Amino acid sequence: MSSSLKPLGPPVSQDRIITTFPKWYTPAACLQLKEHFHGQVSAACERGDTGTVGLRLSKVVVVGDLYVGKTSLIHRFCRSAHMSPCPSGSDHCDVSHYRSVSPSFSPPHSWDTAGQEKFKCIASAYYRGAQAIITAFDLSDLQTLEHTRQWLEDVLQENKPGSSAVFLVGTKKDLLSGAACALTEREAVCLANEMQAEYWAVSAKTGENVKALFSRVAALAFEQSVLQELERRGSARFQVGDAGLIRMEGSLPEAQESEKPSSLGCC
């Protein structure tokens, strides 16, 4: 769909363009159950009227215990390759070349704090403003699943209620047999419902469900950004008045404003 804003960065390959709203991994593991973009978002994209959304970045925070595979997950999506185990650290990865139904959509940025205590002092700064939260755990280690509650609570404390889409992601799916994976996933689905999150099982090694997961994350972040932009426009309509005054919608009539001391009209 057309837009007057030019996208940032190099051209996007066709396999990284979202033309339809990606579905969840499985309906039983998701409370959001979104199948289509919000009507206002679709209409804005059709008009090419998404404002400055295409010039903003969507922030995705990836949290979880040490060695559950957060960095490998991001690397698999960014580079389309599995990375060998490496020393963990605070890792910033641009989830590049991903665009939704509006060509002006900017890619989300993923922040991974590596699950280490030494990053706790700076974690709150990374958590703020997250449009999507991915809480990761190791499917082969149920203890890491239990810890996702605390990780999610830490991130939510730094964000406004309802401002972030939440994903519970089980990693290393390739390590489990079908029966063992199904057993773990039943517990994960229950926890996802408790968290009001979407549950996904992925493998950074094989790439299973990785692209689909980030496609879903990008779509939800984009939708949220456009809705926020439309809401901002609706609540901040203004016109420039006489003598340099800026009268917001719903302000006093001119006759009443003229009775105010002139100092009140100064910006």
Protein backbone atom coordinates (compact mmCIF):
# COMPACT_ATOMS: atom_id res chain seq x y z
CA MET A 1 0.00 0.00 0.00
CA SER A 2 1.24 3.47 -0.84
CA SER A 3 2.68 5.91 1.64
CA SER A 4 4.24 9.35 1.32
CA LEU A 5 6.96 8.44 3.80
CA LYS A 6 10.12 6.75 2.60
CA PRO A 7 11.21 3.64 4.53
CA LEU A 8 14.44 3.66 6.49
CA GLY A 9 17.30 1.42 5.49
CA PRO A 10 17.86 -0.75 2.42
CA PRO A 11 15.03 -2.29 0.36
CA VAL A 12 13.04 -5.07 1.98
CA SER A 13 12.99 -8.53 0.38
CA GLN A 14 9.59 -9.94 -0.51
CA ASP A 15 9.73 -12.65 2.16
CA ARG A 16 9.96 -9.95 4.82
CA ILE A 17 6.82 -8.04 3.81
CA ILE A 18 3.64 -8.71 5.79
CA THR A 19 0.69 -8.59 3.41
CA THR A 20 -1.81 -10.33 5.70
CA PHE A 21 -2.13 -10.36 9.46
CA PRO A 22 -0.13 -13.38 10.70
CA LYS A 23 -2.10 -15.86 12.79
CA TRP A 24 -1.11 -17.17 16.19
CA TYR A 25 0.78 -20.42 16.59
CA THR A 26 -2.24 -22.30 17.94
CA PRO A 27 -5.64 -20.96 19.11
CA ALA A 28 -5.49 -23.01 22.32
CA ALA A 29 -2.36 -21.14 23.37
CA CYS A 30 -3.51 -17.60 22.72
CA LEU A 31 -5.98 -15.23 24.31
CA GLN A 32 -5.60 -12.41 21.80
CA LEU A 33 -7.10 -14.34 18.88
CA LYS A 34 -6.45 -11.56 16.39
CA GLU A 35 -6.96 -12.56 12.78
CA HIS A 36 -7.06 -9.18 11.06
CA PHE A 37 -5.63 -5.71 11.47
CA HIS A 38 -7.85 -3.25 13.30
CA GLY A 39 -10.26 -1.55 10.86
CA GLN A 40 -8.78 1.88 11.52
CA VAL A 41 -5.28 0.57 10.83
CA SER A 42 -6.29 -1.04 7.54
CA ALA A 43 -8.08 2.16 6.45
CA ALA A 44 -5.07 4.32 7.35
CA CYS A 45 -2.77 2.05 5.34
CA GLU A 46 -5.11 2.13 2.36
CA ARG A 47 -5.00 5.93 2.45
CA GLY A 48 -1.24 5.96 2.98
CA ASP A 49 -1.95 7.95 6.12
CA THR A 50 0.07 6.25 8.86
CA GLY A 51 1.80 9.50 9.76
CA THR A 52 5.24 9.21 11.32
CA VAL A 53 4.84 5.55 12.27
CA GLY A 54 7.20 4.53 9.50
CA LEU A 55 9.95 6.67 10.99
CA ARG A 56 9.71 5.16 14.47
CA LEU A 57 11.18 1.94 15.81
CA SER A 58 9.17 -0.65 17.69
CA LYS A 59 10.89 -1.92 20.82
CA VAL A 60 10.84 -5.65 21.56
CA VAL A 61 12.31 -6.84 24.85
CA VAL A 62 13.54 -10.45 25.13
CA VAL A 63 13.97 -11.73 28.70
CA GLY A 64 14.54 -15.07 30.37
CA ASP A 65 17.05 -17.16 32.28
CA LEU A 66 20.67 -17.49 31.25
CA TYR A 67 21.29 -19.96 28.42
CA VAL A 68 17.66 -20.48 27.41
CA GLY A 69 18.58 -19.36 23.90
CA LYS A 70 17.46 -15.73 23.69
CA THR A 71 20.48 -14.52 21.72
CA SER A 72 20.36 -17.56 19.44
CA LEU A 73 16.68 -16.87 18.75
CA ILE A 74 17.38 -13.27 17.73
CA HIS A 75 20.41 -14.28 15.70
CA ARG A 76 18.45 -16.94 13.82
CA PHE A 77 15.88 -14.37 12.77
CA CYS A 78 18.34 -11.57 11.99
CA ARG A 79 20.89 -13.69 10.14
CA SER A 80 18.81 -16.73 9.11
CA ALA A 81 21.48 -18.93 10.66
CA HIS A 82 22.07 -20.84 13.87
CA MET A 83 24.82 -19.45 16.07
CA SER A 84 27.20 -21.55 18.11
CA PRO A 85 27.05 -21.13 21.90
CA CYS A 86 28.95 -18.04 22.96
CA PRO A 87 29.53 -16.00 26.12
CA SER A 88 26.35 -14.10 26.94
CA GLY A 89 26.17 -10.36 27.17
CA SER A 90 23.80 -7.50 26.69
CA ASP A 91 22.93 -7.89 23.04
CA HIS A 92 21.14 -5.41 20.83
CA CYS A 93 19.91 -6.72 17.52
CA ASP A 94 18.05 -4.79 14.87
CA VAL A 95 15.32 -7.10 13.59
CA SER A 96 16.03 -5.67 10.20
CA HIS A 97 14.22 -5.71 6.89
CA TYR A 98 10.76 -6.43 8.19
CA ARG A 99 7.76 -4.48 7.03
CA SER A 100 4.04 -4.73 7.50
CA VAL A 101 1.16 -3.77 5.21
CA SER A 102 2.44 -0.18 5.14
CA PRO A 103 5.75 0.23 3.29
CA SER A 104 6.65 2.95 5.77
CA PHE A 105 6.80 0.47 8.66
CA SER A 106 10.10 0.52 10.52
CA PRO A 107 11.53 -2.72 11.92
CA PRO A 108 11.34 -3.55 15.60
CA HIS A 109 14.48 -3.53 17.71
CA SER A 110 15.05 -6.46 20.08
CA TRP A 111 16.90 -5.97 23.35
CA ASP A 112 18.36 -9.01 25.11
CA THR A 113 19.76 -8.52 28.62
CA ALA A 114 21.27 -12.01 28.67
CA GLY A 115 19.54 -13.10 31.88
CA GLN A 116 22.52 -12.19 34.05
CA GLU A 117 22.37 -10.50 37.44
CA LYS A 118 25.10 -8.04 36.41
CA PHE A 119 22.62 -6.42 34.01
CA LYS A 120 19.86 -5.96 36.61
CA CYS A 121 21.02 -2.44 37.42
CA ILE A 122 20.46 -1.26 33.86
CA ALA A 123 17.58 -3.56 32.94
CA SER A 124 14.80 -1.12 33.84
CA ALA A 125 16.07 1.36 31.23
CA TYR A 126 15.88 -1.34 28.56
CA TYR A 127 12.43 -2.47 29.69
CA ARG A 128 10.73 0.92 29.38
CA GLY A 129 8.66 1.56 26.29
CA ALA A 130 8.45 -2.06 25.18
CA GLN A 131 5.72 -2.65 22.62
CA ALA A 132 6.28 -6.39 22.75
CA ILE A 133 7.72 -8.59 25.49
CA ILE A 134 9.14 -12.02 24.71
CA THR A 135 9.66 -14.14 27.83
CA ALA A 136 11.76 -17.11 26.80
CA PHE A 137 12.30 -20.46 28.51
CA ASP A 138 14.01 -23.74 27.69
CA LEU A 139 11.50 -26.46 26.77
CA SER A 140 13.90 -29.05 28.19
CA ASP A 141 14.10 -27.29 31.58
CA LEU A 142 10.76 -26.68 33.33
CA GLN A 143 12.45 -24.58 36.02
CA THR A 144 13.12 -21.88 33.44
CA LEU A 145 9.39 -21.88 32.63
CA GLU A 146 8.55 -21.10 36.25
CA HIS A 147 11.01 -18.22 36.24
CA THR A 148 9.21 -16.49 33.35
CA ARG A 149 6.62 -15.18 35.81
CA GLN A 150 9.22 -13.05 37.57
CA TRP A 151 10.84 -11.94 34.33
CA LEU A 152 7.50 -10.75 32.98
CA GLU A 153 6.65 -9.00 36.24
CA ASP A 154 9.95 -7.10 36.14
CA VAL A 155 9.29 -5.83 32.62
CA LEU A 156 5.65 -4.95 33.24
CA GLN A 157 6.63 -2.79 36.22
CA GLU A 158 8.40 -0.46 33.78
CA ASN A 159 5.53 -0.19 31.29
CA LYS A 160 1.95 1.03 31.34
CA PRO A 161 -0.71 -1.68 31.79
CA GLY A 162 -1.87 -3.06 28.47
CA SER A 163 0.78 -1.22 26.45
CA SER A 164 2.79 -4.33 25.52
CA ALA A 165 1.93 -7.51 23.65
CA VAL A 166 3.25 -10.49 25.61
CA PHE A 167 4.74 -13.67 24.17
CA LEU A 168 5.76 -16.80 26.09
CA VAL A 169 8.32 -18.57 23.93
CA GLY A 170 9.67 -22.08 24.49
CA THR A 171 13.08 -22.54 22.87
CA LYS A 172 15.16 -25.58 21.85
CA LYS A 173 12.17 -27.50 20.55
CA ASP A 174 14.53 -29.68 18.55
CA LEU A 175 15.83 -31.27 21.78
CA LEU A 176 12.49 -32.82 22.78
CA SER A 177 10.61 -35.80 21.42
CA GLY A 178 7.00 -35.36 20.40
CA ALA A 179 5.56 -36.78 23.64
CA ALA A 180 7.92 -34.89 25.93
CA CYS A 181 7.31 -31.65 24.04
CA ALA A 182 3.54 -32.08 24.24
CA LEU A 183 3.72 -32.58 28.01
CA THR A 184 5.80 -29.45 28.54
CA GLU A 185 3.63 -27.43 26.21
CA ARG A 186 0.49 -28.23 28.19
CA GLU A 187 2.03 -26.53 31.21
CA ALA A 188 3.30 -23.68 29.06
CA VAL A 189 -0.14 -23.09 27.54
CA CYS A 190 -1.69 -22.86 31.02
CA LEU A 191 0.92 -20.32 32.05
CA ALA A 192 0.45 -18.37 28.83
CA ASN A 193 -3.25 -18.05 29.58
CA GLU A 194 -2.40 -16.86 33.08
CA MET A 195 -0.04 -14.26 31.63
CA GLN A 196 -2.50 -13.36 28.87
CA ALA A 197 0.29 -14.12 26.45
CA GLU A 198 0.68 -15.88 23.12
CA TYR A 199 2.58 -19.14 23.45
CA TRP A 200 5.08 -20.20 20.80
CA ALA A 201 7.47 -23.17 20.61
CA VAL A 202 10.53 -22.52 18.45
CA SER A 203 13.93 -23.87 17.55
CA ALA A 204 16.79 -21.50 16.76
CA LYS A 205 18.80 -24.47 15.52
CA THR A 206 16.33 -25.62 12.86
CA GLY A 207 14.54 -22.28 12.45
CA GLU A 208 11.15 -23.82 13.21
CA ASN A 209 8.52 -21.12 13.87
CA VAL A 210 11.15 -18.37 14.32
CA LYS A 211 10.17 -16.30 11.31
CA ALA A 212 6.45 -16.81 12.03
CA LEU A 213 6.96 -15.62 15.61
CA PHE A 214 8.71 -12.39 14.66
CA SER A 215 6.25 -11.80 11.85
CA ARG A 216 3.49 -11.89 14.45
CA VAL A 217 5.45 -9.63 16.80
CA ALA A 218 6.08 -7.10 14.02
CA ALA A 219 2.41 -7.06 12.98
CA LEU A 220 1.13 -6.48 16.52
CA ALA A 221 3.73 -3.76 17.16
CA PHE A 222 2.87 -2.03 13.91
CA GLU A 223 -0.86 -2.16 14.64
CA GLN A 224 -0.31 -0.69 18.09
CA SER A 225 1.87 2.11 16.68
CA VAL A 226 -0.72 3.13 14.10
CA LEU A 227 -3.56 3.08 16.64
CA GLN A 228 -1.52 5.25 18.99
CA GLU A 229 -0.78 7.67 16.16
CA LEU A 230 -4.46 7.93 15.24
CA GLU A 231 -5.43 8.43 18.88
CA ARG A 232 -2.78 11.11 19.29
CA ARG A 233 -4.11 12.97 16.29
CA GLY A 234 -7.68 12.76 17.55
CA SER A 235 -6.81 14.16 20.98
CA ALA A 236 -4.31 16.80 19.86
CA ARG A 237 -6.13 18.66 17.10
CA PHE A 238 -5.33 22.32 17.35
CA GLN A 239 -5.37 25.51 15.41
CA VAL A 240 -3.20 28.60 15.64
CA GLY A 241 -5.16 31.54 17.03
CA ASP A 242 -4.61 35.26 17.04
CA ALA A 243 -1.68 36.86 18.86
CA GLY A 244 0.31 33.62 18.87
CA LEU A 245 -2.22 31.76 21.02
CA ILE A 246 -2.66 28.03 20.47
CA ARG A 247 -6.25 27.01 21.20
CA MET A 248 -6.71 23.32 21.72
CA GLU A 249 -9.95 21.63 20.74
CA GLY A 250 -12.53 22.23 23.47
CA SER A 251 -10.88 25.48 24.71
CA LEU A 252 -12.76 28.65 25.65
CA PRO A 253 -14.40 30.77 22.93
CA GLU A 254 -12.56 33.82 21.66
CA ALA A 255 -14.76 36.22 23.61
CA GLN A 256 -13.93 34.54 26.91
CA GLU A 257 -10.27 34.20 26.08
CA SER A 258 -10.03 37.92 25.38
CA GLU A 259 -11.03 38.59 29.00
CA LYS A 260 -8.00 36.69 30.32
CA PRO A 261 -4.82 38.62 31.24
CA SER A 262 -2.52 38.77 28.23
CA SER A 263 0.26 37.04 30.17
CA LEU A 264 -1.76 33.82 30.18
CA GLY A 265 -1.60 33.72 26.40
CA CYS A 266 2.16 33.51 26.26
CA CYS A 267 3.75 30.22 25.26
